[in-house]
Amino acid sequence: MLRNLAEPEAGKIIFDRFKTAINALTVRDSGSSRIEDHIRLRHTRPFRTDNREYLPAKRSVFNIMVPEPTGGGFELKFARFLDDAPTSRASPRTTSQSASKSTT
């Protein structure tokens, strides 16, 4: 049986069945949405959490990142990955400032 699963035909059938089943469970957008209101960050109140592992934020407007208790550590790992990732592109202002500093 396992040998049959390695065949391209069987793989395609399995893929198509999973795709159909997953698409049936997927939420689809059926109309327009509109932002009714907004929350200013300065009006965000601090909140208490349980004493658990956290990550001091480098690239967030918040001072620390605390994952959900049932997340299995994924959020913390992902936040660490994003903090350690190189910046994708510099803004024109940053580029021109760094270029002028290097020539002086």
Protein backbone atom coordinates (compact mmCIF):
# COMPACT_ATOMS: atom_id res chain seq x y z
CA MET A 1 0.00 0.00 0.00
CA LEU A 2 2.80 2.45 0.85
CA ARG A 3 4.39 1.79 -2.51
CA ASN A 4 1.11 2.76 -4.20
CA LEU A 5 1.07 6.10 -2.34
CA ALA A 6 4.41 6.98 -3.94
CA GLU A 7 2.89 6.77 -7.41
CA PRO A 8 2.09 10.14 -9.03
CA GLU A 9 -1.51 9.14 -9.79
CA ALA A 10 -2.23 8.23 -6.15
CA GLY A 11 -0.52 11.39 -4.91
CA LYS A 12 -2.66 13.53 -7.21
CA ILE A 13 -5.87 11.87 -6.03
CA ILE A 14 -4.93 12.38 -2.37
CA PHE A 15 -3.91 15.99 -3.03
CA ASP A 16 -7.16 16.76 -4.86
CA ARG A 17 -9.29 15.18 -2.11
CA PHE A 18 -7.50 17.13 0.63
CA LYS A 19 -7.74 20.33 -1.40
CA THR A 20 -11.48 19.89 -1.88
CA ALA A 21 -12.04 19.12 1.82
CA ILE A 22 -9.91 22.05 3.02
CA ASN A 23 -11.55 24.47 0.59
CA ALA A 24 -14.96 23.37 1.87
CA LEU A 25 -13.89 24.37 5.39
CA THR A 26 -12.28 27.65 4.38
CA VAL A 27 -14.05 30.89 5.18
CA ARG A 28 -14.72 32.86 2.05
CA ASP A 29 -15.26 36.59 1.72
CA SER A 30 -18.82 37.13 0.61
CA GLY A 31 -19.11 40.89 0.72
CA SER A 32 -17.48 44.15 1.52
CA SER A 33 -16.08 45.16 4.87
CA ARG A 34 -15.58 48.56 6.36
CA ILE A 35 -13.58 49.82 9.31
CA GLU A 36 -16.07 51.34 11.72
CA ASP A 37 -13.69 52.69 14.31
CA HIS A 38 -10.06 52.62 15.28
CA ILE A 39 -7.99 52.32 18.43
CA ARG A 40 -5.12 54.67 19.05
CA LEU A 41 -2.09 52.94 20.42
CA ARG A 42 -1.60 55.57 23.09
CA HIS A 43 -5.07 54.68 24.42
CA THR A 44 -4.15 51.00 24.72
CA ARG A 45 -4.08 50.05 28.36
CA PRO A 46 -1.50 47.65 29.76
CA PHE A 47 -2.76 44.26 30.78
CA ARG A 48 -1.60 41.62 33.22
CA THR A 49 -0.52 38.17 32.18
CA ASP A 50 0.66 35.09 33.99
CA ASN A 51 4.34 34.93 34.80
CA ARG A 52 5.67 33.14 31.72
CA GLU A 53 8.46 33.40 29.18
CA TYR A 54 8.51 36.60 27.13
CA LEU A 55 10.66 38.32 24.53
CA PRO A 56 11.88 41.91 24.94
CA ALA A 57 10.75 43.53 21.70
CA LYS A 58 13.25 45.11 19.32
CA ARG A 59 10.95 46.01 16.42
CA SER A 60 7.57 46.37 18.04
CA VAL A 61 5.68 49.31 19.46
CA PHE A 62 5.16 47.20 22.57
CA ASN A 63 7.96 46.69 25.09
CA ILE A 64 7.63 42.91 25.39
CA MET A 65 6.00 40.10 23.47
CA VAL A 66 4.14 37.54 25.58
CA PRO A 67 2.82 34.48 23.75
CA GLU A 68 -0.50 32.77 24.32
CA PRO A 69 -0.23 30.11 27.03
CA THR A 70 -1.56 27.37 24.74
CA GLY A 71 0.49 28.34 21.68
CA GLY A 72 3.25 25.82 22.25
CA GLY A 73 5.93 28.51 21.92
CA PHE A 74 5.24 29.17 18.24
CA GLU A 75 4.44 32.87 18.71
CA LEU A 76 7.60 33.46 20.70
CA LYS A 77 9.74 31.63 18.13
CA PHE A 78 8.12 33.57 15.30
CA ALA A 79 8.58 36.91 17.10
CA ARG A 80 12.24 36.05 17.72
CA PHE A 81 12.61 35.14 14.03
CA LEU A 82 11.12 38.47 12.95
CA ASP A 83 13.28 40.44 15.39
CA ASP A 84 16.43 38.70 14.14
CA ALA A 85 15.54 38.95 10.44
CA PRO A 86 17.47 41.51 8.40
CA THR A 87 15.60 44.61 7.32
CA SER A 88 14.15 44.04 3.87
CA ARG A 89 14.81 47.51 2.52
CA ALA A 90 15.96 50.87 3.78
CA SER A 91 13.83 53.95 3.42
CA PRO A 92 15.21 56.59 1.02
CA ARG A 93 15.81 58.94 3.94
CA THR A 94 17.86 56.35 5.80
CA THR A 95 19.85 55.47 2.70
CA SER A 96 20.71 59.09 1.92
CA GLN A 97 21.66 59.81 5.54
CA SER A 98 23.94 56.81 5.76
CA ALA A 99 25.54 57.67 2.41
CA SER A 100 26.23 61.25 3.50
CA LYS A 101 27.73 60.05 6.79
CA SER A 102 30.06 57.63 5.04
CA THR A 103 31.41 60.33 2.71
CA THR A 104 32.21 62.79 5.51
